[in-house]
Amino acid sequence: MPEPDATSGTGDVTRGCARCGITAHASEGGVPAGWSFGVEPTGRLTYTCPDCTRANIRAIEGKLPEEYWER
């Protein structure tokens, strides 16, 4: 399995899901189509595949600050 965020030498990068480990290609500096990303308290970016995002959407939304919710 490639390392998460490994470069392929073609301007593309391989992103790895922080939850399940599946990988996908994206343009350098980008996120694969349908994937989510987050920033940990340490500043490290993490990527989540569409299946894991759907499975954990309540936990993801619960971490958003109040200003992201409609009033």
N, C-alpha and C. Protein backbone atom coordinates (compact mmCIF):
# COMPACT_ATOMS: atom_id res chain seq x y z
N MET A 1 0.86 -1.18 0.00
CA MET A 1 0.00 0.00 0.00
C MET A 1 0.89 1.23 0.00
N PRO A 2 0.58 2.21 -0.86
CA PRO A 2 1.38 3.44 -0.86
C PRO A 2 1.20 4.21 0.43
N GLU A 3 2.18 5.00 0.74
CA GLU A 3 2.07 5.87 1.92
C GLU A 3 0.99 6.91 1.68
N PRO A 4 0.16 7.25 2.69
CA PRO A 4 -0.79 8.34 2.49
C PRO A 4 -0.05 9.60 2.08
N ASP A 5 -0.60 10.30 1.11
CA ASP A 5 -0.03 11.55 0.61
C ASP A 5 1.29 11.35 -0.14
N ALA A 6 1.54 10.17 -0.67
CA ALA A 6 2.75 9.93 -1.44
C ALA A 6 2.61 10.54 -2.83
N THR A 7 3.70 11.04 -3.38
CA THR A 7 3.65 11.61 -4.72
C THR A 7 4.03 10.53 -5.72
N SER A 8 3.44 10.62 -6.93
CA SER A 8 3.70 9.61 -7.95
C SER A 8 4.70 10.10 -8.99
N GLY A 9 5.11 11.37 -8.90
CA GLY A 9 6.04 11.91 -9.88
C GLY A 9 5.34 12.44 -11.12
N THR A 10 4.01 12.37 -11.17
CA THR A 10 3.26 12.83 -12.34
C THR A 10 2.43 14.06 -12.03
N GLY A 11 2.65 14.69 -10.88
CA GLY A 11 1.83 15.82 -10.46
C GLY A 11 0.62 15.36 -9.68
N ASP A 12 0.46 14.05 -9.52
CA ASP A 12 -0.63 13.49 -8.74
C ASP A 12 -0.08 13.03 -7.39
N VAL A 13 -0.98 12.93 -6.41
CA VAL A 13 -0.62 12.39 -5.11
C VAL A 13 -1.61 11.28 -4.75
N THR A 14 -1.18 10.39 -3.89
CA THR A 14 -2.05 9.34 -3.39
C THR A 14 -2.46 9.73 -1.99
N ARG A 15 -3.76 9.84 -1.75
CA ARG A 15 -4.30 10.16 -0.43
C ARG A 15 -4.79 8.87 0.20
N GLY A 16 -4.58 8.73 1.50
CA GLY A 16 -5.04 7.56 2.24
C GLY A 16 -6.10 7.96 3.24
N CYS A 17 -7.17 7.14 3.33
CA CYS A 17 -8.24 7.41 4.28
C CYS A 17 -7.73 7.18 5.70
N ALA A 18 -7.97 8.14 6.58
CA ALA A 18 -7.50 8.05 7.96
C ALA A 18 -8.25 6.97 8.74
N ARG A 19 -9.41 6.54 8.25
CA ARG A 19 -10.21 5.56 8.97
C ARG A 19 -10.00 4.14 8.47
N CYS A 20 -10.11 3.92 7.15
CA CYS A 20 -10.04 2.55 6.63
C CYS A 20 -8.76 2.23 5.87
N GLY A 21 -8.00 3.26 5.47
CA GLY A 21 -6.73 3.04 4.81
C GLY A 21 -6.79 2.94 3.29
N ILE A 22 -8.00 2.94 2.70
CA ILE A 22 -8.10 2.88 1.24
C ILE A 22 -7.41 4.11 0.65
N THR A 23 -6.88 3.96 -0.56
CA THR A 23 -6.17 5.08 -1.18
C THR A 23 -6.84 5.50 -2.48
N ALA A 24 -6.59 6.74 -2.88
CA ALA A 24 -7.09 7.29 -4.14
C ALA A 24 -6.13 8.37 -4.60
N HIS A 25 -6.14 8.60 -5.90
CA HIS A 25 -5.26 9.61 -6.49
C HIS A 25 -5.97 10.95 -6.58
N ALA A 26 -5.19 12.02 -6.44
CA ALA A 26 -5.70 13.39 -6.57
C ALA A 26 -4.62 14.23 -7.22
N SER A 27 -5.02 15.35 -7.77
CA SER A 27 -4.01 16.27 -8.30
C SER A 27 -3.21 16.80 -7.12
N GLU A 28 -1.97 17.15 -7.38
CA GLU A 28 -1.11 17.62 -6.29
C GLU A 28 -1.75 18.79 -5.57
N GLY A 29 -1.85 18.69 -4.25
CA GLY A 29 -2.47 19.71 -3.44
C GLY A 29 -3.98 19.59 -3.38
N GLY A 30 -4.56 18.59 -4.06
CA GLY A 30 -6.00 18.42 -4.10
C GLY A 30 -6.50 17.27 -3.25
N VAL A 31 -7.80 17.07 -3.32
CA VAL A 31 -8.48 16.01 -2.58
C VAL A 31 -9.21 15.16 -3.61
N PRO A 32 -9.16 13.81 -3.50
CA PRO A 32 -9.90 12.99 -4.46
C PRO A 32 -11.39 13.34 -4.46
N ALA A 33 -12.03 13.20 -5.61
CA ALA A 33 -13.45 13.52 -5.75
C ALA A 33 -14.27 12.75 -4.71
N GLY A 34 -15.12 13.49 -3.99
CA GLY A 34 -15.99 12.88 -2.99
C GLY A 34 -15.39 12.69 -1.61
N TRP A 35 -14.10 12.93 -1.47
CA TRP A 35 -13.43 12.74 -0.19
C TRP A 35 -13.58 14.00 0.67
N SER A 36 -13.44 13.81 1.98
CA SER A 36 -13.44 14.91 2.94
C SER A 36 -12.05 15.06 3.53
N PHE A 37 -11.76 16.23 4.08
CA PHE A 37 -10.50 16.38 4.79
C PHE A 37 -10.75 17.18 6.06
N GLY A 38 -9.86 16.99 7.00
CA GLY A 38 -9.94 17.71 8.27
C GLY A 38 -8.56 18.09 8.73
N VAL A 39 -8.51 18.97 9.69
CA VAL A 39 -7.24 19.41 10.26
C VAL A 39 -7.23 19.03 11.73
N GLU A 40 -6.24 18.23 12.12
CA GLU A 40 -6.10 17.84 13.51
C GLU A 40 -5.57 19.01 14.33
N PRO A 41 -5.69 18.96 15.66
CA PRO A 41 -5.18 20.05 16.50
C PRO A 41 -3.68 20.35 16.27
N THR A 42 -2.94 19.34 15.81
CA THR A 42 -1.51 19.53 15.54
C THR A 42 -1.26 20.24 14.22
N GLY A 43 -2.35 20.46 13.42
CA GLY A 43 -2.20 21.09 12.13
C GLY A 43 -2.08 20.11 10.98
N ARG A 44 -2.01 18.82 11.28
CA ARG A 44 -1.88 17.79 10.26
C ARG A 44 -3.20 17.59 9.53
N LEU A 45 -3.16 17.51 8.19
CA LEU A 45 -4.35 17.24 7.40
C LEU A 45 -4.64 15.74 7.39
N THR A 46 -5.91 15.38 7.52
CA THR A 46 -6.33 13.99 7.38
C THR A 46 -7.39 13.93 6.30
N TYR A 47 -7.46 12.81 5.62
CA TYR A 47 -8.41 12.62 4.52
C TYR A 47 -9.31 11.44 4.85
N THR A 48 -10.59 11.53 4.43
CA THR A 48 -11.56 10.49 4.71
C THR A 48 -12.31 10.17 3.42
N CYS A 49 -12.39 8.87 3.08
CA CYS A 49 -13.06 8.44 1.86
C CYS A 49 -14.57 8.64 1.98
N PRO A 50 -15.28 8.62 0.86
CA PRO A 50 -16.73 8.85 0.90
C PRO A 50 -17.49 7.86 1.80
N ASP A 51 -17.13 6.58 1.78
CA ASP A 51 -17.83 5.59 2.61
C ASP A 51 -17.66 5.88 4.09
N CYS A 52 -16.45 6.20 4.52
CA CYS A 52 -16.19 6.50 5.93
C CYS A 52 -16.83 7.83 6.32
N THR A 53 -16.85 8.79 5.39
CA THR A 53 -17.50 10.07 5.68
C THR A 53 -18.98 9.84 5.95
N ARG A 54 -19.65 9.07 5.07
CA ARG A 54 -21.08 8.79 5.26
C ARG A 54 -21.33 8.04 6.56
N ALA A 55 -20.47 7.09 6.88
CA ALA A 55 -20.65 6.28 8.09
C ALA A 55 -20.45 7.10 9.37
N ASN A 56 -19.72 8.20 9.29
CA ASN A 56 -19.37 8.98 10.48
C ASN A 56 -19.85 10.42 10.41
N ILE A 57 -20.85 10.71 9.58
CA ILE A 57 -21.26 12.10 9.37
C ILE A 57 -21.74 12.78 10.64
N ARG A 58 -22.43 12.09 11.52
CA ARG A 58 -22.90 12.72 12.75
C ARG A 58 -21.74 13.16 13.64
N ALA A 59 -20.72 12.35 13.73
CA ALA A 59 -19.56 12.72 14.53
C ALA A 59 -18.83 13.90 13.91
N ILE A 60 -18.76 13.92 12.57
CA ILE A 60 -18.09 15.01 11.88
C ILE A 60 -18.86 16.31 12.09
N GLU A 61 -20.18 16.28 11.88
CA GLU A 61 -20.99 17.48 12.04
C GLU A 61 -21.00 17.97 13.49
N GLY A 62 -20.94 17.05 14.43
CA GLY A 62 -20.96 17.41 15.85
C GLY A 62 -19.74 18.20 16.28
N LYS A 63 -18.68 18.14 15.51
CA LYS A 63 -17.44 18.86 15.84
C LYS A 63 -17.38 20.26 15.23
N LEU A 64 -18.37 20.60 14.39
CA LEU A 64 -18.36 21.92 13.76
C LEU A 64 -18.73 23.00 14.76
N PRO A 65 -18.08 24.16 14.67
CA PRO A 65 -18.45 25.28 15.54
C PRO A 65 -19.89 25.73 15.24
N GLU A 66 -20.50 26.36 16.18
CA GLU A 66 -21.90 26.78 16.07
C GLU A 66 -22.16 27.68 14.85
N GLU A 67 -21.18 28.49 14.45
CA GLU A 67 -21.42 29.43 13.35
C GLU A 67 -21.63 28.72 12.00
N TYR A 68 -21.37 27.41 11.90
CA TYR A 68 -21.60 26.67 10.66
C TYR A 68 -23.05 26.23 10.51
N TRP A 69 -23.84 26.34 11.53
CA TRP A 69 -25.23 25.89 11.51
C TRP A 69 -26.15 27.03 11.15
N GLU A 70 -27.22 26.71 10.41
CA GLU A 70 -28.22 27.72 10.06
C GLU A 70 -28.90 28.26 11.29
N ARG A 71 -29.31 29.48 11.24
CA ARG A 71 -30.03 30.09 12.37
C ARG A 71 -31.40 30.46 11.94
